[in-house]
């Protein structure tokens, strides 16, 4: 299972993740030094605080990717959101009309559809 994370592809990804953290920290340190110099500003200080956050985000994404790979190796399927029912195609600017099953009579739904038709008619005038 962990041998999967030692394939050439994963080794490249590990190196890139470490490189990302080193580069972000170096840029943060550079911005910190720049903010402390005579020509520095609060903008440089802001960037000095921002770069380590980028590094942390990279670490978070790397950990998440590794966990997803390990879960896939164990045979656990990732949880995907349920797909919504396909919407009926509508033309631009029109509100969809909701319909009930043919067997069911729903007065509340009929009232809502009548309201939508009135709104559509007001827009077209």
PDB file of N, CA and C in Angstrom:
ATOM      1  N   UNK A   1       0.829  -1.185   0.000  1.00  0.00           N
ATOM      2  CA  UNK A   1       0.000   0.000   0.000  1.00  0.00           C
ATOM      3  C   UNK A   1       0.878   1.255   0.000  1.00  0.00           C
ATOM      4  N   UNK A   2       1.850   1.340   0.899  1.00  0.00           N
ATOM      5  CA  UNK A   2       2.738   2.495   0.912  1.00  0.00           C
ATOM      6  C   UNK A   2       3.744   2.439  -0.229  1.00  0.00           C
ATOM      7  N   UNK A   3       3.957   1.242  -0.782  1.00  0.00           N
ATOM      8  CA  UNK A   3       4.865   1.129  -1.931  1.00  0.00           C
ATOM      9  C   UNK A   3       4.331   1.927  -3.111  1.00  0.00           C
ATOM     10  N   UNK A   4       3.018   2.079  -3.176  1.00  0.00           N
ATOM     11  CA  UNK A   4       2.398   2.864  -4.248  1.00  0.00           C
ATOM     12  C   UNK A   4       2.889   4.310  -4.212  1.00  0.00           C
ATOM     13  N   UNK A   5       3.184   4.820  -2.994  1.00  0.00           N
ATOM     14  CA  UNK A   5       3.643   6.199  -2.859  1.00  0.00           C
ATOM     15  C   UNK A   5       5.126   6.365  -3.156  1.00  0.00           C
ATOM     16  N   UNK A   6       5.787   5.261  -3.520  1.00  0.00           N
ATOM     17  CA  UNK A   6       7.207   5.328  -3.855  1.00  0.00           C
ATOM     18  C   UNK A   6       7.470   5.073  -5.336  1.00  0.00           C
ATOM     19  N   UNK A   7       6.410   5.137  -6.139  1.00  0.00           N
ATOM     20  CA  UNK A   7       6.583   5.005  -7.579  1.00  0.00           C
ATOM     21  C   UNK A   7       7.212   6.288  -8.121  1.00  0.00           C
ATOM     22  N   UNK A   8       7.799   6.248  -9.306  1.00  0.00           N
ATOM     23  CA  UNK A   8       8.441   7.458  -9.848  1.00  0.00           C
ATOM     24  C   UNK A   8       7.501   8.664  -9.921  1.00  0.00           C
ATOM     25  N   UNK A   9       6.265   8.418 -10.280  1.00  0.00           N
ATOM     26  CA  UNK A   9       5.294   9.526 -10.363  1.00  0.00           C
ATOM     27  C   UNK A   9       5.104  10.182  -9.003  1.00  0.00           C
ATOM     28  N   UNK A  10       4.938   9.352  -7.969  1.00  0.00           N
ATOM     29  CA  UNK A  10       4.722   9.889  -6.630  1.00  0.00           C
ATOM     30  C   UNK A  10       5.990  10.529  -6.072  1.00  0.00           C
ATOM     31  N   UNK A  11       7.143   9.996  -6.406  1.00  0.00           N
ATOM     32  CA  UNK A  11       8.381  10.616  -5.946  1.00  0.00           C
ATOM     33  C   UNK A  11       8.519  12.031  -6.513  1.00  0.00           C
ATOM     34  N   UNK A  12       8.141  12.193  -7.779  1.00  0.00           N
ATOM     35  CA  UNK A  12       8.163  13.529  -8.383  1.00  0.00           C
ATOM     36  C   UNK A  12       7.180  14.443  -7.659  1.00  0.00           C
ATOM     37  N   UNK A  13       5.997  13.926  -7.331  1.00  0.00           N
ATOM     38  CA  UNK A  13       5.009  14.741  -6.612  1.00  0.00           C
ATOM     39  C   UNK A  13       5.506  15.117  -5.214  1.00  0.00           C
ATOM     40  N   UNK A  14       6.189  14.193  -4.538  1.00  0.00           N
ATOM     41  CA  UNK A  14       6.745  14.508  -3.216  1.00  0.00           C
ATOM     42  C   UNK A  14       7.793  15.611  -3.323  1.00  0.00           C
ATOM     43  N   UNK A  15       8.652  15.495  -4.324  1.00  0.00           N
ATOM     44  CA  UNK A  15       9.691  16.508  -4.512  1.00  0.00           C
ATOM     45  C   UNK A  15       9.062  17.864  -4.831  1.00  0.00           C
ATOM     46  N   UNK A  16       8.043  17.865  -5.677  1.00  0.00           N
ATOM     47  CA  UNK A  16       7.368  19.126  -6.008  1.00  0.00           C
ATOM     48  C   UNK A  16       6.695  19.742  -4.786  1.00  0.00           C
ATOM     49  N   UNK A  17       6.118  18.907  -3.925  1.00  0.00           N
ATOM     50  CA  UNK A  17       5.482  19.421  -2.715  1.00  0.00           C
ATOM     51  C   UNK A  17       6.512  20.061  -1.792  1.00  0.00           C
ATOM     52  N   UNK A  18       7.649  19.396  -1.611  1.00  0.00           N
ATOM     53  CA  UNK A  18       8.703  19.956  -0.760  1.00  0.00           C
ATOM     54  C   UNK A  18       9.246  21.236  -1.385  1.00  0.00           C
ATOM     55  N   UNK A  19       9.432  21.226  -2.692  1.00  0.00           N
ATOM     56  CA  UNK A  19       9.920  22.412  -3.399  1.00  0.00           C
ATOM     57  C   UNK A  19       8.948  23.578  -3.230  1.00  0.00           C
ATOM     58  N   UNK A  20       7.666  23.288  -3.304  1.00  0.00           N
ATOM     59  CA  UNK A  20       6.642  24.322  -3.136  1.00  0.00           C
ATOM     60  C   UNK A  20       6.760  24.979  -1.764  1.00  0.00           C
ATOM     61  N   UNK A  21       6.913  24.162  -0.730  1.00  0.00           N
ATOM     62  CA  UNK A  21       7.014  24.703   0.628  1.00  0.00           C
ATOM     63  C   UNK A  21       8.287  25.534   0.777  1.00  0.00           C
ATOM     64  N   UNK A  22       9.397  25.036   0.259  1.00  0.00           N
ATOM     65  CA  UNK A  22      10.668  25.766   0.373  1.00  0.00           C
ATOM     66  C   UNK A  22      10.582  27.097  -0.366  1.00  0.00           C
ATOM     67  N   UNK A  23      10.048  27.084  -1.572  1.00  0.00           N
ATOM     68  CA  UNK A  23       9.939  28.322  -2.365  1.00  0.00           C
ATOM     69  C   UNK A  23       9.021  29.325  -1.682  1.00  0.00           C
ATOM     70  N   UNK A  24       7.873  28.857  -1.178  1.00  0.00           N
ATOM     71  CA  UNK A  24       6.940  29.773  -0.511  1.00  0.00           C
ATOM     72  C   UNK A  24       7.562  30.378   0.740  1.00  0.00           C
ATOM     73  N   UNK A  25       8.272  29.567   1.511  1.00  0.00           N
ATOM     74  CA  UNK A  25       8.920  30.089   2.716  1.00  0.00           C
ATOM     75  C   UNK A  25      10.038  31.062   2.356  1.00  0.00           C
ATOM     76  N   UNK A  26      10.777  30.763   1.295  1.00  0.00           N
ATOM     77  CA  UNK A  26      11.839  31.674   0.866  1.00  0.00           C
ATOM     78  C   UNK A  26      11.257  33.007   0.403  1.00  0.00           C
ATOM     79  N   UNK A  27      10.157  32.951  -0.333  1.00  0.00           N
ATOM     80  CA  UNK A  27       9.527  34.197  -0.782  1.00  0.00           C
ATOM     81  C   UNK A  27       8.959  34.975   0.400  1.00  0.00           C
ATOM     82  N   UNK A  28       8.418  34.250   1.382  1.00  0.00           N
ATOM     83  CA  UNK A  28       7.927  34.916   2.587  1.00  0.00           C
ATOM     84  C   UNK A  28       9.059  35.593   3.341  1.00  0.00           C
ATOM     85  N   UNK A  29      10.189  34.906   3.459  1.00  0.00           N
ATOM     86  CA  UNK A  29      11.347  35.496   4.125  1.00  0.00           C
ATOM     87  C   UNK A  29      11.860  36.700   3.342  1.00  0.00           C
ATOM     88  N   UNK A  30      11.896  36.613   2.041  1.00  0.00           N
ATOM     89  CA  UNK A  30      12.339  37.739   1.214  1.00  0.00           C
ATOM     90  C   UNK A  30      11.428  38.947   1.420  1.00  0.00           C
ATOM     91  N   UNK A  31      10.133  38.705   1.447  1.00  0.00           N
ATOM     92  CA  UNK A  31       9.195  39.813   1.657  1.00  0.00           C
ATOM     93  C   UNK A  31       9.346  40.396   3.062  1.00  0.00           C
ATOM     94  N   UNK A  32       9.635  39.538   4.037  1.00  0.00           N
ATOM     95  CA  UNK A  32       9.847  40.018   5.399  1.00  0.00           C
ATOM     96  C   UNK A  32      11.070  40.939   5.442  1.00  0.00           C
ATOM     97  N   UNK A  33      12.169  40.496   4.823  1.00  0.00           N
ATOM     98  CA  UNK A  33      13.376  41.322   4.778  1.00  0.00           C
ATOM     99  C   UNK A  33      13.108  42.641   4.046  1.00  0.00           C
ATOM    100  N   UNK A  34      12.339  42.549   2.987  1.00  0.00           N
ATOM    101  CA  UNK A  34      12.006  43.748   2.212  1.00  0.00           C
ATOM    102  C   UNK A  34      11.161  44.714   3.039  1.00  0.00           C
ATOM    103  N   UNK A  35      10.231  44.187   3.841  1.00  0.00           N
ATOM    104  CA  UNK A  35       9.380  45.067   4.656  1.00  0.00           C
ATOM    105  C   UNK A  35      10.184  45.760   5.749  1.00  0.00           C
ATOM    106  N   UNK A  36      11.291  45.158   6.192  1.00  0.00           N
ATOM    107  CA  UNK A  36      12.110  45.745   7.242  1.00  0.00           C
ATOM    108  C   UNK A  36      13.139  46.743   6.693  1.00  0.00           C
ATOM    109  N   UNK A  37      13.316  46.757   5.371  1.00  0.00           N
ATOM    110  CA  UNK A  37      14.299  47.677   4.783  1.00  0.00           C
ATOM    111  C   UNK A  37      13.713  49.089   4.711  1.00  0.00           C
ATOM    112  N   UNK A  38      14.554  50.038   4.306  1.00  0.00           N
ATOM    113  CA  UNK A  38      14.135  51.441   4.247  1.00  0.00           C
ATOM    114  C   UNK A  38      13.019  51.650   3.221  1.00  0.00           C
ATOM    115  N   UNK A  39      13.037  50.896   2.133  1.00  0.00           N
ATOM    116  CA  UNK A  39      12.021  51.072   1.092  1.00  0.00           C
ATOM    117  C   UNK A  39      10.816  50.160   1.268  1.00  0.00           C
ATOM    118  N   UNK A  40      10.763  49.435   2.369  1.00  0.00           N
ATOM    119  CA  UNK A  40       9.674  48.482   2.586  1.00  0.00           C
ATOM    120  C   UNK A  40       8.376  49.162   3.003  1.00  0.00           C
ATOM    121  N   UNK A  41       7.292  48.426   2.867  1.00  0.00           N
ATOM    122  CA  UNK A  41       5.987  48.973   3.233  1.00  0.00           C
ATOM    123  C   UNK A  41       5.149  47.888   3.899  1.00  0.00           C
ATOM    124  N   UNK A  42       3.967  48.282   4.283  1.00  0.00           N
ATOM    125  CA  UNK A  42       3.043  47.312   4.880  1.00  0.00           C
ATOM    126  C   UNK A  42       2.592  46.268   3.855  1.00  0.00           C
ATOM    127  N   UNK A  43       2.639  46.630   2.601  1.00  0.00           N
ATOM    128  CA  UNK A  43       2.295  45.674   1.553  1.00  0.00           C
ATOM    129  C   UNK A  43       3.283  44.505   1.560  1.00  0.00           C
ATOM    130  N   UNK A  44       4.562  44.815   1.715  1.00  0.00           N
ATOM    131  CA  UNK A  44       5.560  43.752   1.809  1.00  0.00           C
ATOM    132  C   UNK A  44       5.329  42.893   3.044  1.00  0.00           C
ATOM    133  N   UNK A  45       4.933  43.516   4.137  1.00  0.00           N
ATOM    134  CA  UNK A  45       4.636  42.768   5.357  1.00  0.00           C
ATOM    135  C   UNK A  45       3.446  41.844   5.136  1.00  0.00           C
ATOM    136  N   UNK A  46       2.465  42.324   4.428  1.00  0.00           N
ATOM    137  CA  UNK A  46       1.303  41.481   4.108  1.00  0.00           C
ATOM    138  C   UNK A  46       1.694  40.275   3.277  1.00  0.00           C
ATOM    139  N   UNK A  47       2.539  40.511   2.281  1.00  0.00           N
ATOM    140  CA  UNK A  47       3.015  39.393   1.460  1.00  0.00           C
ATOM    141  C   UNK A  47       3.862  38.429   2.282  1.00  0.00           C
ATOM    142  N   UNK A  48       4.638  38.974   3.221  1.00  0.00           N
ATOM    143  CA  UNK A  48       5.467  38.118   4.072  1.00  0.00           C
ATOM    144  C   UNK A  48       4.603  37.177   4.898  1.00  0.00           C
ATOM    145  N   UNK A  49       3.420  37.606   5.275  1.00  0.00           N
ATOM    146  CA  UNK A  49       2.508  36.748   6.025  1.00  0.00           C
ATOM    147  C   UNK A  49       1.704  35.830   5.106  1.00  0.00           C
ATOM    148  N   UNK A  50       1.551  36.241   3.872  1.00  0.00           N
ATOM    149  CA  UNK A  50       0.738  35.480   2.920  1.00  0.00           C
ATOM    150  C   UNK A  50       1.466  34.255   2.369  1.00  0.00           C
ATOM    151  N   UNK A  51       2.744  34.359   2.099  1.00  0.00           N
ATOM    152  CA  UNK A  51       3.478  33.250   1.485  1.00  0.00           C
ATOM    153  C   UNK A  51       3.492  31.989   2.341  1.00  0.00           C
ATOM    154  N   UNK A  52       3.669  32.083   3.655  1.00  0.00           N
ATOM    155  CA  UNK A  52       3.582  30.850   4.455  1.00  0.00           C
ATOM    156  C   UNK A  52       2.191  30.211   4.399  1.00  0.00           C
ATOM    157  N   UNK A  53       1.157  31.014   4.231  1.00  0.00           N
ATOM    158  CA  UNK A  53      -0.187  30.450   4.078  1.00  0.00           C
ATOM    159  C   UNK A  53      -0.300  29.656   2.779  1.00  0.00           C
ATOM    160  N   UNK A  54       0.338  30.157   1.736  1.00  0.00           N
ATOM    161  CA  UNK A  54       0.366  29.406   0.479  1.00  0.00           C
ATOM    162  C   UNK A  54       1.091  28.081   0.670  1.00  0.00           C
ATOM    163  N   UNK A  55       2.164  28.100   1.458  1.00  0.00           N
ATOM    164  CA  UNK A  55       2.906  26.864   1.736  1.00  0.00           C
ATOM    165  C   UNK A  55       2.021  25.885   2.494  1.00  0.00           C
ATOM    166  N   UNK A  56       1.282  26.364   3.489  1.00  0.00           N
ATOM    167  CA  UNK A  56       0.382  25.491   4.256  1.00  0.00           C
ATOM    168  C   UNK A  56      -0.720  24.912   3.368  1.00  0.00           C
ATOM    169  N   UNK A  57      -1.212  25.710   2.436  1.00  0.00           N
ATOM    170  CA  UNK A  57      -2.225  25.203   1.520  1.00  0.00           C
ATOM    171  C   UNK A  57      -1.648  24.090   0.652  1.00  0.00           C
ATOM    172  N   UNK A  58      -0.405  24.265   0.214  1.00  0.00           N
ATOM    173  CA  UNK A  58       0.255  23.213  -0.571  1.00  0.00           C
ATOM    174  C   UNK A  58       0.399  21.929   0.231  1.00  0.00           C
ATOM    175  N   UNK A  59       0.761  22.055   1.509  1.00  0.00           N
ATOM    176  CA  UNK A  59       0.882  20.870   2.372  1.00  0.00           C
ATOM    177  C   UNK A  59      -0.485  20.207   2.541  1.00  0.00           C
ATOM    178  N   UNK A  60      -1.512  21.020   2.748  1.00  0.00           N
ATOM    179  CA  UNK A  60      -2.869  20.473   2.886  1.00  0.00           C
ATOM    180  C   UNK A  60      -3.272  19.694   1.639  1.00  0.00           C
ATOM    181  N   UNK A  61      -3.028  20.257   0.471  1.00  0.00           N
ATOM    182  CA  UNK A  61      -3.404  19.576  -0.771  1.00  0.00           C
ATOM    183  C   UNK A  61      -2.588  18.297  -0.969  1.00  0.00           C
ATOM    184  N   UNK A  62      -1.326  18.324  -0.603  1.00  0.00           N
ATOM    185  CA  UNK A  62      -0.484  17.136  -0.739  1.00  0.00           C
ATOM    186  C   UNK A  62      -0.995  16.027   0.185  1.00  0.00           C
ATOM    187  N   UNK A  63      -1.294  16.359   1.445  1.00  0.00           N
ATOM    188  CA  UNK A  63      -1.817  15.364   2.391  1.00  0.00           C
ATOM    189  C   UNK A  63      -3.142  14.817   1.899  1.00  0.00           C
ATOM    190  N   UNK A  64      -3.992  15.684   1.406  1.00  0.00           N
ATOM    191  CA  UNK A  64      -5.304  15.234   0.909  1.00  0.00           C
ATOM    192  C   UNK A  64      -5.143  14.292  -0.285  1.00  0.00           C
ATOM    193  N   UNK A  65      -4.221  14.614  -1.181  1.00  0.00           N
ATOM    194  CA  UNK A  65      -3.988  13.769  -2.353  1.00  0.00           C
ATOM    195  C   UNK A  65      -3.443  12.405  -1.933  1.00  0.00           C
ATOM    196  N   UNK A  66      -2.515  12.397  -0.983  1.00  0.00           N
ATOM    197  CA  UNK A  66      -1.963  11.125  -0.503  1.00  0.00           C
ATOM    198  C   UNK A  66      -3.053  10.288   0.158  1.00  0.00           C
ATOM    199  N   UNK A  67      -3.886  10.908   0.977  1.00  0.00           N
ATOM    200  CA  UNK A  67      -4.971  10.176   1.632  1.00  0.00           C
ATOM    201  C   UNK A  67      -5.966   9.608   0.615  1.00  0.00           C
ATOM    202  N   UNK A  68      -6.256  10.383  -0.418  1.00  0.00           N
ATOM    203  CA  UNK A  68      -7.169   9.884  -1.452  1.00  0.00           C
ATOM    204  C   UNK A  68      -6.567   8.678  -2.160  1.00  0.00           C
ATOM    205  N   UNK A  69      -5.273   8.727  -2.431  1.00  0.00           N
ATOM    206  CA  UNK A  69      -4.612   7.611  -3.099  1.00  0.00           C
ATOM    207  C   UNK A  69      -4.627   6.372  -2.205  1.00  0.00           C
ATOM    208  N   UNK A  70      -4.345   6.538  -0.922  1.00  0.00           N
ATOM    209  CA  UNK A  70      -4.350   5.407  -0.004  1.00  0.00           C
ATOM    210  C   UNK A  70      -5.753   4.822   0.153  1.00  0.00           C
ATOM    211  N   UNK A  71      -6.764   5.681   0.188  1.00  0.00           N
ATOM    212  CA  UNK A  71      -8.140   5.200   0.272  1.00  0.00           C
ATOM    213  C   UNK A  71      -8.516   4.425  -0.985  1.00  0.00           C
ATOM    214  N   UNK A  72      -8.046   4.902  -2.135  1.00  0.00           N
ATOM    215  CA  UNK A  72      -8.311   4.202  -3.394  1.00  0.00           C
ATOM    216  C   UNK A  72      -7.625   2.834  -3.405  1.00  0.00           C
ATOM    217  N   UNK A  73      -6.417   2.767  -2.860  1.00  0.00           N
ATOM    218  CA  UNK A  73      -5.700   1.492  -2.795  1.00  0.00           C
ATOM    219  C   UNK A  73      -6.393   0.502  -1.863  1.00  0.00           C
ATOM    220  N   UNK A  74      -7.019   1.003  -0.804  1.00  0.00           N
ATOM    221  CA  UNK A  74      -7.748   0.128   0.112  1.00  0.00           C
ATOM    222  C   UNK A  74      -9.095  -0.300  -0.449  1.00  0.00           C
ATOM    223  N   UNK A  75      -9.502   0.303  -1.538  1.00  0.00           N
ATOM    224  CA  UNK A  75     -10.771  -0.047  -2.166  1.00  0.00           C
ATOM    225  C   UNK A  75     -11.933   0.786  -1.673  1.00  0.00           C
ATOM    226  N   UNK A  76     -11.652   1.807  -0.927  1.00  0.00           N
ATOM    227  CA  UNK A  76     -12.715   2.700  -0.469  1.00  0.00           C
ATOM    228  C   UNK A  76     -13.022   3.695  -1.569  1.00  0.00           C
ATOM    229  N   UNK A  77     -14.280   3.787  -1.895  1.00  0.00           N
ATOM    230  CA  UNK A  77     -14.679   4.728  -2.940  1.00  0.00           C
ATOM    231  C   UNK A  77     -14.806   6.114  -2.332  1.00  0.00           C
ATOM    232  N   UNK A  78     -14.302   7.130  -3.016  1.00  0.00           N
ATOM    233  CA  UNK A  78     -14.475   8.487  -2.493  1.00  0.00           C
ATOM    234  C   UNK A  78     -15.945   8.871  -2.530  1.00  0.00           C
ATOM    235  N   UNK A  79     -16.366   9.629  -1.544  1.00  0.00           N
ATOM    236  CA  UNK A  79     -17.757  10.050  -1.492  1.00  0.00           C
ATOM    237  C   UNK A  79     -17.971  11.167  -2.493  1.00  0.00           C
ATOM    238  N   UNK A  80     -18.850  10.889  -3.424  1.00  0.00           N
ATOM    239  CA  UNK A  80     -19.169  11.883  -4.438  1.00  0.00           C
ATOM    240  C   UNK A  80     -20.561  12.409  -4.165  1.00  0.00           C
ATOM    241  N   UNK A  81     -20.801  13.663  -4.446  1.00  0.00           N
ATOM    242  CA  UNK A  81     -22.132  14.200  -4.217  1.00  0.00           C
ATOM    243  C   UNK A  81     -23.140  13.537  -5.148  1.00  0.00           C
ATOM    244  N   UNK A  82     -24.348  13.362  -4.639  1.00  0.00           N
ATOM    245  CA  UNK A  82     -25.400  12.771  -5.453  1.00  0.00           C
ATOM    246  C   UNK A  82     -25.719  13.712  -6.612  1.00  0.00           C
ATOM    247  N   UNK A  83     -25.928  13.129  -7.767  1.00  0.00           N
ATOM    248  CA  UNK A  83     -26.219  13.951  -8.934  1.00  0.00           C
ATOM    249  C   UNK A  83     -27.666  14.418  -8.882  1.00  0.00           C
ATOM    250  N   UNK A  84     -27.893  15.702  -9.124  1.00  0.00           N
ATOM    251  CA  UNK A  84     -29.263  16.190  -9.132  1.00  0.00           C
ATOM    252  C   UNK A  84     -29.995  15.690 -10.369  1.00  0.00           C
ATOM    253  N   UNK A  85     -31.293  15.685 -10.281  1.00  0.00           N
ATOM    254  CA  UNK A  85     -32.096  15.276 -11.432  1.00  0.00           C
ATOM    255  C   UNK A  85     -31.857  16.254 -12.574  1.00  0.00           C
ATOM    256  N   UNK A  86     -31.806  15.774 -13.806  1.00  0.00           N
ATOM    257  CA  UNK A  86     -31.560  16.688 -14.921  1.00  0.00           C
ATOM    258  C   UNK A  86     -32.701  17.686 -15.050  1.00  0.00           C
ATOM    259  N   UNK A  87     -32.335  18.923 -15.242  1.00  0.00           N
ATOM    260  CA  UNK A  87     -33.332  19.974 -15.376  1.00  0.00           C
ATOM    261  C   UNK A  87     -33.865  20.008 -16.796  1.00  0.00           C
ATOM    262  N   UNK A  88     -35.108  20.405 -16.897  1.00  0.00           N
ATOM    263  CA  UNK A  88     -35.694  20.551 -18.220  1.00  0.00           C
ATOM    264  C   UNK A  88     -35.071  21.772 -18.895  1.00  0.00           C
ATOM    265  N   UNK A  89     -34.736  21.662 -20.159  1.00  0.00           N
ATOM    266  CA  UNK A  89     -34.156  22.825 -20.828  1.00  0.00           C
ATOM    267  C   UNK A  89     -35.166  23.958 -20.923  1.00  0.00           C
ATOM    268  N   UNK A  90     -34.700  25.153 -20.649  1.00  0.00           N
ATOM    269  CA  UNK A  90     -35.561  26.326 -20.744  1.00  0.00           C
ATOM    270  C   UNK A  90     -34.864  27.348 -21.619  1.00  0.00           C
ATOM    271  N   UNK A  91     -35.632  28.225 -22.186  1.00  0.00           N
ATOM    272  CA  UNK A  91     -35.029  29.281 -22.985  1.00  0.00           C
ATOM    273  C   UNK A  91     -34.536  30.385 -22.056  1.00  0.00           C
ATOM    274  N   UNK A  92     -33.641  31.177 -22.533  1.00  0.00           N
ATOM    275  CA  UNK A  92     -33.048  32.233 -21.728  1.00  0.00           C
ATOM    276  C   UNK A  92     -34.113  33.218 -21.273  1.00  0.00           C
ATOM    277  N   UNK A  93     -34.086  33.543 -19.986  1.00  0.00           N
ATOM    278  CA  UNK A  93     -35.013  34.533 -19.462  1.00  0.00           C
ATOM    279  C   UNK A  93     -36.340  33.963 -19.014  1.00  0.00           C
ATOM    280  N   UNK A  94     -36.558  32.699 -19.178  1.00  0.00           N
ATOM    281  CA  UNK A  94     -37.826  32.099 -18.764  1.00  0.00           C
ATOM    282  C   UNK A  94     -37.625  31.308 -17.486  1.00  0.00           C
ATOM    283  N   UNK A  95     -38.629  31.340 -16.640  1.00  0.00           N
ATOM    284  CA  UNK A  95     -38.579  30.542 -15.417  1.00  0.00           C
ATOM    285  C   UNK A  95     -39.124  29.157 -15.717  1.00  0.00           C
ATOM    286  N   UNK A  96     -38.522  28.114 -15.143  1.00  0.00           N
ATOM    287  CA  UNK A  96     -39.034  26.766 -15.393  1.00  0.00           C
ATOM    288  C   UNK A  96     -40.380  26.560 -14.716  1.00  0.00           C
ATOM    289  N   UNK A  97     -41.210  25.790 -15.350  1.00  0.00           N
ATOM    290  CA  UNK A  97     -42.511  25.452 -14.792  1.00  0.00           C
ATOM    291  C   UNK A  97     -42.394  24.058 -14.187  1.00  0.00           C
ATOM    292  N   UNK A  98     -42.709  23.969 -12.895  1.00  0.00           N
ATOM    293  CA  UNK A  98     -42.606  22.701 -12.190  1.00  0.00           C
ATOM    294  C   UNK A  98     -43.896  21.923 -12.413  1.00  0.00           C
ATOM    295  N   UNK A  99     -43.767  20.657 -12.751  1.00  0.00           N
ATOM    296  CA  UNK A  99     -44.950  19.840 -12.983  1.00  0.00           C
ATOM    297  C   UNK A  99     -44.941  18.644 -12.053  1.00  0.00           C
ATOM    298  N   UNK A 100     -46.113  18.189 -11.715  1.00  0.00           N
ATOM    299  CA  UNK A 100     -46.255  16.997 -10.874  1.00  0.00           C
ATOM    300  C   UNK A 100     -46.414  15.788 -11.780  1.00  0.00           C
ATOM    301  N   UNK A 101     -46.341  14.623 -11.180  1.00  0.00           N
ATOM    302  CA  UNK A 101     -46.564  13.395 -11.943  1.00  0.00           C
ATOM    303  C   UNK A 101     -47.979  13.430 -12.497  1.00  0.00           C
ATOM    304  N   UNK A 102     -48.239  12.793 -13.652  1.00  0.00           N
ATOM    305  CA  UNK A 102     -49.558  12.885 -14.275  1.00  0.00           C
ATOM    306  C   UNK A 102     -50.685  12.336 -13.395  1.00  0.00           C
ATOM    307  N   UNK A 103     -50.379  11.398 -12.508  1.00  0.00           N
ATOM    308  CA  UNK A 103     -51.423  10.798 -11.675  1.00  0.00           C
ATOM    309  C   UNK A 103     -51.853  11.728 -10.547  1.00  0.00           C
ATOM    310  N   UNK A 104     -50.956  12.599 -10.147  1.00  0.00           N
ATOM    311  CA  UNK A 104     -51.208  13.394  -8.957  1.00  0.00           C
ATOM    312  C   UNK A 104     -51.752  14.769  -9.324  1.00  0.00           C
ATOM    313  N   UNK A 105     -52.755  15.190  -8.604  1.00  0.00           N
ATOM    314  CA  UNK A 105     -53.278  16.538  -8.741  1.00  0.00           C
ATOM    315  C   UNK A 105     -52.840  17.303  -7.501  1.00  0.00           C
ATOM    316  N   UNK A 106     -52.102  18.380  -7.710  1.00  0.00           N
ATOM    317  CA  UNK A 106     -51.577  19.145  -6.586  1.00  0.00           C
ATOM    318  C   UNK A 106     -52.028  20.593  -6.742  1.00  0.00           C
ATOM    319  N   UNK A 107     -53.027  21.021  -5.967  1.00  0.00           N
ATOM    320  CA  UNK A 107     -53.523  22.392  -6.118  1.00  0.00           C
ATOM    321  C   UNK A 107     -52.460  23.442  -5.789  1.00  0.00           C
ATOM    322  N   UNK A 108     -51.594  23.144  -4.841  1.00  0.00           N
ATOM    323  CA  UNK A 108     -50.553  24.100  -4.493  1.00  0.00           C
ATOM    324  C   UNK A 108     -49.571  24.276  -5.649  1.00  0.00           C
ATOM    325  N   UNK A 109     -49.245  23.179  -6.322  1.00  0.00           N
ATOM    326  CA  UNK A 109     -48.355  23.240  -7.468  1.00  0.00           C
ATOM    327  C   UNK A 109     -49.021  23.961  -8.634  1.00  0.00           C
ATOM    328  N   UNK A 110     -50.287  23.729  -8.827  1.00  0.00           N
ATOM    329  CA  UNK A 110     -51.028  24.433  -9.887  1.00  0.00           C
ATOM    330  C   UNK A 110     -51.041  25.937  -9.628  1.00  0.00           C
ATOM    331  N   UNK A 111     -51.216  26.322  -8.359  1.00  0.00           N
ATOM    332  CA  UNK A 111     -51.216  27.748  -8.001  1.00  0.00           C
ATOM    333  C   UNK A 111     -49.845  28.364  -8.262  1.00  0.00           C
ATOM    334  N   UNK A 112     -48.800  27.631  -7.927  1.00  0.00           N
ATOM    335  CA  UNK A 112     -47.435  28.119  -8.152  1.00  0.00           C
ATOM    336  C   UNK A 112     -47.164  28.280  -9.651  1.00  0.00           C
ATOM    337  N   UNK A 113     -47.589  27.323 -10.447  1.00  0.00           N
ATOM    338  CA  UNK A 113     -47.387  27.407 -11.892  1.00  0.00           C
ATOM    339  C   UNK A 113     -48.169  28.580 -12.486  1.00  0.00           C
ATOM    340  N   UNK A 114     -49.377  28.817 -11.966  1.00  0.00           N
ATOM    341  CA  UNK A 114     -50.161  29.949 -12.449  1.00  0.00           C
ATOM    342  C   UNK A 114     -49.436  31.259 -12.120  1.00  0.00           C
ATOM    343  N   UNK A 115     -48.865  31.327 -10.928  1.00  0.00           N
ATOM    344  CA  UNK A 115     -48.093  32.499 -10.521  1.00  0.00           C
ATOM    345  C   UNK A 115     -46.891  32.708 -11.440  1.00  0.00           C
ATOM    346  N   UNK A 116     -46.184  31.638 -11.769  1.00  0.00           N
ATOM    347  CA  UNK A 116     -45.045  31.751 -12.675  1.00  0.00           C
ATOM    348  C   UNK A 116     -45.466  32.228 -14.065  1.00  0.00           C
ATOM    349  N   UNK A 117     -46.605  31.726 -14.543  1.00  0.00           N
ATOM    350  CA  UNK A 117     -47.092  32.186 -15.852  1.00  0.00           C
ATOM    351  C   UNK A 117     -47.421  33.675 -15.828  1.00  0.00           C
ATOM    352  N   UNK A 118     -48.009  34.145 -14.717  1.00  0.00           N
ATOM    353  CA  UNK A 118     -48.311  35.569 -14.597  1.00  0.00           C
ATOM    354  C   UNK A 118     -47.031  36.405 -14.624  1.00  0.00           C
ATOM    355  N   UNK A 119     -46.025  35.951 -13.906  1.00  0.00           N
ATOM    356  CA  UNK A 119     -44.749  36.678 -13.914  1.00  0.00           C
ATOM    357  C   UNK A 119     -44.141  36.705 -15.310  1.00  0.00           C
ATOM    358  N   UNK A 120     -44.217  35.583 -16.024  1.00  0.00           N
ATOM    359  CA  UNK A 120     -43.675  35.525 -17.382  1.00  0.00           C
ATOM    360  C   UNK A 120     -44.429  36.492 -18.284  1.00  0.00           C
ATOM    361  N   UNK A 121     -45.738  36.525 -18.139  1.00  0.00           N
ATOM    362  CA  UNK A 121     -46.522  37.419 -18.975  1.00  0.00           C
ATOM    363  C   UNK A 121     -46.217  38.876 -18.674  1.00  0.00           C
ATOM    364  N   UNK A 122     -45.962  39.209 -17.406  1.00  0.00           N
ATOM    365  CA  UNK A 122     -45.615  40.595 -17.049  1.00  0.00           C
ATOM    366  C   UNK A 122     -44.279  40.994 -17.659  1.00  0.00           C
ATOM    367  N   UNK A 123     -43.349  40.048 -17.719  1.00  0.00           N
ATOM    368  CA  UNK A 123     -42.026  40.353 -18.285  1.00  0.00           C
ATOM    369  C   UNK A 123     -42.087  40.578 -19.780  1.00  0.00           C
ATOM    370  N   UNK A 124     -42.979  39.887 -20.448  1.00  0.00           N
ATOM    371  CA  UNK A 124     -43.038  39.991 -21.912  1.00  0.00           C
ATOM    372  C   UNK A 124     -43.773  41.252 -22.357  1.00  0.00           C
ATOM    373  N   UNK A 125     -44.466  41.901 -21.473  1.00  0.00           N
ATOM    374  CA  UNK A 125     -45.182  43.136 -21.871  1.00  0.00           C
ATOM    375  C   UNK A 125     -44.281  44.312 -21.965  1.00  0.00           C
TER     376      UNK A 125
END
